[in-house]
Amino acid sequence: MGEHCEEERHKNLYLWQGFFTSHHEWWDYRNNKKNSRSPDFKHRDTGEALRLNPNYPPRVNLQIQFA
């Protein structure tokens, strides 16, 4: 089970790096979310989803503000 969590964390980190590199390729759903479990961002081509997490380091939230 720990290995699966580590894989998910690595995938999530990879997606966030892609978001910060090319944020124009992602839809921003933060202001229009109808369900709290819905993604905050979704990739326009691949459909991969990102959700904000209050446990993220402050620098992630800061980077999102400037994206």
PDB file of N, CA and C in Angstrom:
ATOM      1  N   MET A   1       0.822  -1.196   0.000  1.00  0.00           N
ATOM      2  CA  MET A   1       0.000   0.000   0.000  1.00  0.00           C
ATOM      3  C   MET A   1       0.861   1.253   0.000  1.00  0.00           C
ATOM      4  N   GLY A   2       1.958   1.268   0.705  1.00  0.00           N
ATOM      5  CA  GLY A   2       2.844   2.418   0.731  1.00  0.00           C
ATOM      6  C   GLY A   2       3.424   2.733  -0.629  1.00  0.00           C
ATOM      7  N   GLU A   3       3.698   1.686  -1.402  1.00  0.00           N
ATOM      8  CA  GLU A   3       4.246   1.883  -2.751  1.00  0.00           C
ATOM      9  C   GLU A   3       3.230   2.575  -3.649  1.00  0.00           C
ATOM     10  N   HIS A   4       1.954   2.215  -3.518  1.00  0.00           N
ATOM     11  CA  HIS A   4       0.908   2.850  -4.311  1.00  0.00           C
ATOM     12  C   HIS A   4       0.804   4.341  -3.974  1.00  0.00           C
ATOM     13  N   CYS A   5       0.855   4.672  -2.699  1.00  0.00           N
ATOM     14  CA  CYS A   5       0.787   6.073  -2.272  1.00  0.00           C
ATOM     15  C   CYS A   5       1.961   6.866  -2.827  1.00  0.00           C
ATOM     16  N   GLU A   6       3.127   6.259  -2.836  1.00  0.00           N
ATOM     17  CA  GLU A   6       4.312   6.928  -3.361  1.00  0.00           C
ATOM     18  C   GLU A   6       4.172   7.162  -4.863  1.00  0.00           C
ATOM     19  N   GLU A   7       3.607   6.212  -5.580  1.00  0.00           N
ATOM     20  CA  GLU A   7       3.381   6.377  -7.025  1.00  0.00           C
ATOM     21  C   GLU A   7       2.396   7.509  -7.290  1.00  0.00           C
ATOM     22  N   GLU A   8       1.326   7.567  -6.494  1.00  0.00           N
ATOM     23  CA  GLU A   8       0.338   8.637  -6.642  1.00  0.00           C
ATOM     24  C   GLU A   8       0.964  10.002  -6.362  1.00  0.00           C
ATOM     25  N   ARG A   9       1.781  10.062  -5.325  1.00  0.00           N
ATOM     26  CA  ARG A   9       2.444  11.325  -4.978  1.00  0.00           C
ATOM     27  C   ARG A   9       3.360  11.769  -6.106  1.00  0.00           C
ATOM     28  N   HIS A  10       4.088  10.822  -6.685  1.00  0.00           N
ATOM     29  CA  HIS A  10       5.002  11.132  -7.781  1.00  0.00           C
ATOM     30  C   HIS A  10       4.223  11.609  -9.012  1.00  0.00           C
ATOM     31  N   LYS A  11       3.121  10.936  -9.325  1.00  0.00           N
ATOM     32  CA  LYS A  11       2.295  11.339 -10.466  1.00  0.00           C
ATOM     33  C   LYS A  11       1.721  12.733 -10.240  1.00  0.00           C
ATOM     34  N   ASN A  12       1.244  12.987  -9.021  1.00  0.00           N
ATOM     35  CA  ASN A  12       0.672  14.289  -8.697  1.00  0.00           C
ATOM     36  C   ASN A  12       1.726  15.395  -8.821  1.00  0.00           C
ATOM     37  N   LEU A  13       2.921  15.130  -8.353  1.00  0.00           N
ATOM     38  CA  LEU A  13       4.007  16.094  -8.464  1.00  0.00           C
ATOM     39  C   LEU A  13       4.320  16.378  -9.936  1.00  0.00           C
ATOM     40  N   TYR A  14       4.346  15.333 -10.733  1.00  0.00           N
ATOM     41  CA  TYR A  14       4.596  15.477 -12.175  1.00  0.00           C
ATOM     42  C   TYR A  14       3.514  16.348 -12.829  1.00  0.00           C
ATOM     43  N   LEU A  15       2.253  16.120 -12.469  1.00  0.00           N
ATOM     44  CA  LEU A  15       1.168  16.919 -13.037  1.00  0.00           C
ATOM     45  C   LEU A  15       1.271  18.386 -12.629  1.00  0.00           C
ATOM     46  N   TRP A  16       1.618  18.639 -11.361  1.00  0.00           N
ATOM     47  CA  TRP A  16       1.768  20.031 -10.916  1.00  0.00           C
ATOM     48  C   TRP A  16       2.924  20.706 -11.658  1.00  0.00           C
ATOM     49  N   GLN A  17       3.991  19.983 -11.899  1.00  0.00           N
ATOM     50  CA  GLN A  17       5.104  20.564 -12.663  1.00  0.00           C
ATOM     51  C   GLN A  17       4.634  20.936 -14.059  1.00  0.00           C
ATOM     52  N   GLY A  18       3.837  20.067 -14.668  1.00  0.00           N
ATOM     53  CA  GLY A  18       3.275  20.364 -15.986  1.00  0.00           C
ATOM     54  C   GLY A  18       2.352  21.562 -15.942  1.00  0.00           C
ATOM     55  N   PHE A  19       1.579  21.676 -14.877  1.00  0.00           N
ATOM     56  CA  PHE A  19       0.687  22.817 -14.722  1.00  0.00           C
ATOM     57  C   PHE A  19       1.478  24.116 -14.654  1.00  0.00           C
ATOM     58  N   PHE A  20       2.517  24.143 -13.832  1.00  0.00           N
ATOM     59  CA  PHE A  20       3.284  25.373 -13.672  1.00  0.00           C
ATOM     60  C   PHE A  20       4.104  25.701 -14.913  1.00  0.00           C
ATOM     61  N   THR A  21       4.440  24.698 -15.696  1.00  0.00           N
ATOM     62  CA  THR A  21       5.183  24.933 -16.936  1.00  0.00           C
ATOM     63  C   THR A  21       4.266  25.462 -18.028  1.00  0.00           C
ATOM     64  N   SER A  22       3.053  24.921 -18.111  1.00  0.00           N
ATOM     65  CA  SER A  22       2.126  25.267 -19.195  1.00  0.00           C
ATOM     66  C   SER A  22       0.718  25.432 -18.647  1.00  0.00           C
ATOM     67  N   HIS A  23       0.523  26.396 -17.769  1.00  0.00           N
ATOM     68  CA  HIS A  23      -0.787  26.537 -17.133  1.00  0.00           C
ATOM     69  C   HIS A  23      -1.893  26.881 -18.118  1.00  0.00           C
ATOM     70  N   HIS A  24      -1.538  27.397 -19.294  1.00  0.00           N
ATOM     71  CA  HIS A  24      -2.546  27.728 -20.304  1.00  0.00           C
ATOM     72  C   HIS A  24      -3.179  26.472 -20.912  1.00  0.00           C
ATOM     73  N   GLU A  25      -2.605  25.298 -20.655  1.00  0.00           N
ATOM     74  CA  GLU A  25      -3.152  24.042 -21.165  1.00  0.00           C
ATOM     75  C   GLU A  25      -4.147  23.406 -20.197  1.00  0.00           C
ATOM     76  N   TRP A  26      -4.468  24.109 -19.126  1.00  0.00           N
ATOM     77  CA  TRP A  26      -5.358  23.574 -18.094  1.00  0.00           C
ATOM     78  C   TRP A  26      -6.590  24.460 -17.943  1.00  0.00           C
ATOM     79  N   TRP A  27      -7.758  23.833 -17.759  1.00  0.00           N
ATOM     80  CA  TRP A  27      -8.972  24.553 -17.417  1.00  0.00           C
ATOM     81  C   TRP A  27      -8.937  24.827 -15.918  1.00  0.00           C
ATOM     82  N   ASP A  28      -9.374  26.000 -15.525  1.00  0.00           N
ATOM     83  CA  ASP A  28      -9.427  26.383 -14.111  1.00  0.00           C
ATOM     84  C   ASP A  28     -10.885  26.354 -13.661  1.00  0.00           C
ATOM     85  N   TYR A  29     -11.217  25.406 -12.802  1.00  0.00           N
ATOM     86  CA  TYR A  29     -12.585  25.240 -12.317  1.00  0.00           C
ATOM     87  C   TYR A  29     -12.788  25.756 -10.901  1.00  0.00           C
ATOM     88  N   ARG A  30     -11.797  26.416 -10.334  1.00  0.00           N
ATOM     89  CA  ARG A  30     -11.893  26.819  -8.930  1.00  0.00           C
ATOM     90  C   ARG A  30     -13.120  27.667  -8.628  1.00  0.00           C
ATOM     91  N   ASN A  31     -13.473  28.587  -9.495  1.00  0.00           N
ATOM     92  CA  ASN A  31     -14.594  29.493  -9.219  1.00  0.00           C
ATOM     93  C   ASN A  31     -15.950  28.909  -9.578  1.00  0.00           C
ATOM     94  N   ASN A  32     -15.978  27.800 -10.322  1.00  0.00           N
ATOM     95  CA  ASN A  32     -17.254  27.243 -10.794  1.00  0.00           C
ATOM     96  C   ASN A  32     -17.520  25.828 -10.294  1.00  0.00           C
ATOM     97  N   LYS A  33     -16.826  25.417  -9.251  1.00  0.00           N
ATOM     98  CA  LYS A  33     -17.010  24.055  -8.743  1.00  0.00           C
ATOM     99  C   LYS A  33     -18.383  23.903  -8.108  1.00  0.00           C
ATOM    100  N   LYS A  34     -19.102  22.895  -8.558  1.00  0.00           N
ATOM    101  CA  LYS A  34     -20.410  22.604  -7.982  1.00  0.00           C
ATOM    102  C   LYS A  34     -20.296  21.513  -6.920  1.00  0.00           C
ATOM    103  N   ASN A  35     -19.208  20.768  -6.948  1.00  0.00           N
ATOM    104  CA  ASN A  35     -18.982  19.678  -6.004  1.00  0.00           C
ATOM    105  C   ASN A  35     -17.561  19.823  -5.469  1.00  0.00           C
ATOM    106  N   SER A  36     -17.394  19.765  -4.181  1.00  0.00           N
ATOM    107  CA  SER A  36     -16.067  19.954  -3.587  1.00  0.00           C
ATOM    108  C   SER A  36     -15.091  18.854  -3.993  1.00  0.00           C
ATOM    109  N   ARG A  37     -15.595  17.721  -4.458  1.00  0.00           N
ATOM    110  CA  ARG A  37     -14.726  16.626  -4.877  1.00  0.00           C
ATOM    111  C   ARG A  37     -14.299  16.753  -6.345  1.00  0.00           C
ATOM    112  N   SER A  38     -14.849  17.725  -7.030  1.00  0.00           N
ATOM    113  CA  SER A  38     -14.469  17.962  -8.429  1.00  0.00           C
ATOM    114  C   SER A  38     -13.061  18.533  -8.482  1.00  0.00           C
ATOM    115  N   PRO A  39     -12.381  18.373  -9.631  1.00  0.00           N
ATOM    116  CA  PRO A  39     -11.015  18.901  -9.723  1.00  0.00           C
ATOM    117  C   PRO A  39     -11.008  20.422  -9.759  1.00  0.00           C
ATOM    118  N   ASP A  40      -9.908  20.984  -9.309  1.00  0.00           N
ATOM    119  CA  ASP A  40      -9.716  22.432  -9.389  1.00  0.00           C
ATOM    120  C   ASP A  40      -9.172  22.821 -10.760  1.00  0.00           C
ATOM    121  N   PHE A  41      -8.383  21.920 -11.341  1.00  0.00           N
ATOM    122  CA  PHE A  41      -7.818  22.141 -12.667  1.00  0.00           C
ATOM    123  C   PHE A  41      -7.932  20.847 -13.463  1.00  0.00           C
ATOM    124  N   LYS A  42      -8.154  20.972 -14.769  1.00  0.00           N
ATOM    125  CA  LYS A  42      -8.231  19.801 -15.626  1.00  0.00           C
ATOM    126  C   LYS A  42      -7.500  20.101 -16.929  1.00  0.00           C
ATOM    127  N   HIS A  43      -6.653  19.159 -17.348  1.00  0.00           N
ATOM    128  CA  HIS A  43      -5.870  19.351 -18.562  1.00  0.00           C
ATOM    129  C   HIS A  43      -6.798  19.330 -19.772  1.00  0.00           C
ATOM    130  N   ARG A  44      -6.624  20.272 -20.667  1.00  0.00           N
ATOM    131  CA  ARG A  44      -7.512  20.423 -21.818  1.00  0.00           C
ATOM    132  C   ARG A  44      -7.459  19.241 -22.778  1.00  0.00           C
ATOM    133  N   ASP A  45      -6.305  18.605 -22.909  1.00  0.00           N
ATOM    134  CA  ASP A  45      -6.166  17.512 -23.868  1.00  0.00           C
ATOM    135  C   ASP A  45      -6.278  16.134 -23.229  1.00  0.00           C
ATOM    136  N   THR A  46      -5.618  15.928 -22.109  1.00  0.00           N
ATOM    137  CA  THR A  46      -5.552  14.591 -21.513  1.00  0.00           C
ATOM    138  C   THR A  46      -6.672  14.318 -20.521  1.00  0.00           C
ATOM    139  N   GLY A  47      -7.293  15.379 -19.987  1.00  0.00           N
ATOM    140  CA  GLY A  47      -8.346  15.206 -18.995  1.00  0.00           C
ATOM    141  C   GLY A  47      -7.826  14.901 -17.600  1.00  0.00           C
ATOM    142  N   GLU A  48      -6.514  14.912 -17.414  1.00  0.00           N
ATOM    143  CA  GLU A  48      -5.958  14.668 -16.082  1.00  0.00           C
ATOM    144  C   GLU A  48      -6.371  15.796 -15.154  1.00  0.00           C
ATOM    145  N   ALA A  49      -6.604  15.457 -13.894  1.00  0.00           N
ATOM    146  CA  ALA A  49      -7.154  16.413 -12.942  1.00  0.00           C
ATOM    147  C   ALA A  49      -6.187  16.707 -11.803  1.00  0.00           C
ATOM    148  N   LEU A  50      -6.278  17.931 -11.306  1.00  0.00           N
ATOM    149  CA  LEU A  50      -5.510  18.360 -10.138  1.00  0.00           C
ATOM    150  C   LEU A  50      -6.473  18.970  -9.127  1.00  0.00           C
ATOM    151  N   ARG A  51      -6.242  18.641  -7.877  1.00  0.00           N
ATOM    152  CA  ARG A  51      -7.045  19.210  -6.792  1.00  0.00           C
ATOM    153  C   ARG A  51      -6.112  19.898  -5.802  1.00  0.00           C
ATOM    154  N   LEU A  52      -6.540  21.060  -5.349  1.00  0.00           N
ATOM    155  CA  LEU A  52      -5.767  21.762  -4.331  1.00  0.00           C
ATOM    156  C   LEU A  52      -5.905  21.021  -3.013  1.00  0.00           C
ATOM    157  N   ASN A  53      -4.876  21.114  -2.216  1.00  0.00           N
ATOM    158  CA  ASN A  53      -4.846  20.402  -0.947  1.00  0.00           C
ATOM    159  C   ASN A  53      -4.301  21.354   0.106  1.00  0.00           C
ATOM    160  N   PRO A  54      -5.001  21.537   1.216  1.00  0.00           N
ATOM    161  CA  PRO A  54      -4.513  22.459   2.252  1.00  0.00           C
ATOM    162  C   PRO A  54      -3.176  22.033   2.847  1.00  0.00           C
ATOM    163  N   ASN A  55      -2.771  20.794   2.634  1.00  0.00           N
ATOM    164  CA  ASN A  55      -1.494  20.320   3.159  1.00  0.00           C
ATOM    165  C   ASN A  55      -0.319  20.622   2.242  1.00  0.00           C
ATOM    166  N   TYR A  56      -0.591  21.212   1.086  1.00  0.00           N
ATOM    167  CA  TYR A  56       0.500  21.569   0.180  1.00  0.00           C
ATOM    168  C   TYR A  56       1.365  22.652   0.817  1.00  0.00           C
ATOM    169  N   PRO A  57       2.629  22.682   0.466  1.00  0.00           N
ATOM    170  CA  PRO A  57       3.492  23.757   0.968  1.00  0.00           C
ATOM    171  C   PRO A  57       2.974  25.122   0.493  1.00  0.00           C
ATOM    172  N   PRO A  58       3.176  26.173   1.262  1.00  0.00           N
ATOM    173  CA  PRO A  58       2.699  27.513   0.886  1.00  0.00           C
ATOM    174  C   PRO A  58       3.181  27.962  -0.493  1.00  0.00           C
ATOM    175  N   ARG A  59       4.350  27.498  -0.920  1.00  0.00           N
ATOM    176  CA  ARG A  59       4.868  27.937  -2.224  1.00  0.00           C
ATOM    177  C   ARG A  59       3.976  27.477  -3.374  1.00  0.00           C
ATOM    178  N   VAL A  60       3.280  26.347  -3.209  1.00  0.00           N
ATOM    179  CA  VAL A  60       2.375  25.878  -4.267  1.00  0.00           C
ATOM    180  C   VAL A  60       1.224  26.871  -4.434  1.00  0.00           C
ATOM    181  N   ASN A  61       0.602  27.262  -3.321  1.00  0.00           N
ATOM    182  CA  ASN A  61      -0.482  28.242  -3.394  1.00  0.00           C
ATOM    183  C   ASN A  61       0.011  29.564  -3.958  1.00  0.00           C
ATOM    184  N   LEU A  62       1.209  29.967  -3.608  1.00  0.00           N
ATOM    185  CA  LEU A  62       1.763  31.205  -4.137  1.00  0.00           C
ATOM    186  C   LEU A  62       1.976  31.104  -5.643  1.00  0.00           C
ATOM    187  N   GLN A  63       2.515  29.987  -6.106  1.00  0.00           N
ATOM    188  CA  GLN A  63       2.732  29.802  -7.545  1.00  0.00           C
ATOM    189  C   GLN A  63       1.418  29.802  -8.307  1.00  0.00           C
ATOM    190  N   ILE A  64       0.374  29.232  -7.740  1.00  0.00           N
ATOM    191  CA  ILE A  64      -0.930  29.189  -8.403  1.00  0.00           C
ATOM    192  C   ILE A  64      -1.461  30.605  -8.601  1.00  0.00           C
ATOM    193  N   GLN A  65      -1.235  31.479  -7.648  1.00  0.00           N
ATOM    194  CA  GLN A  65      -1.704  32.863  -7.768  1.00  0.00           C
ATOM    195  C   GLN A  65      -1.067  33.578  -8.952  1.00  0.00           C
ATOM    196  N   PHE A  66       0.163  33.193  -9.298  1.00  0.00           N
ATOM    197  CA  PHE A  66       0.860  33.863 -10.388  1.00  0.00           C
ATOM    198  C   PHE A  66       0.741  33.134 -11.715  1.00  0.00           C
ATOM    199  N   ALA A  67       0.093  31.980 -11.726  1.00  0.00           N
ATOM    200  CA  ALA A  67      -0.062  31.213 -12.954  1.00  0.00           C
ATOM    201  C   ALA A  67      -1.182  31.797 -13.800  1.00  0.00           C
TER     202      ALA A  67
END
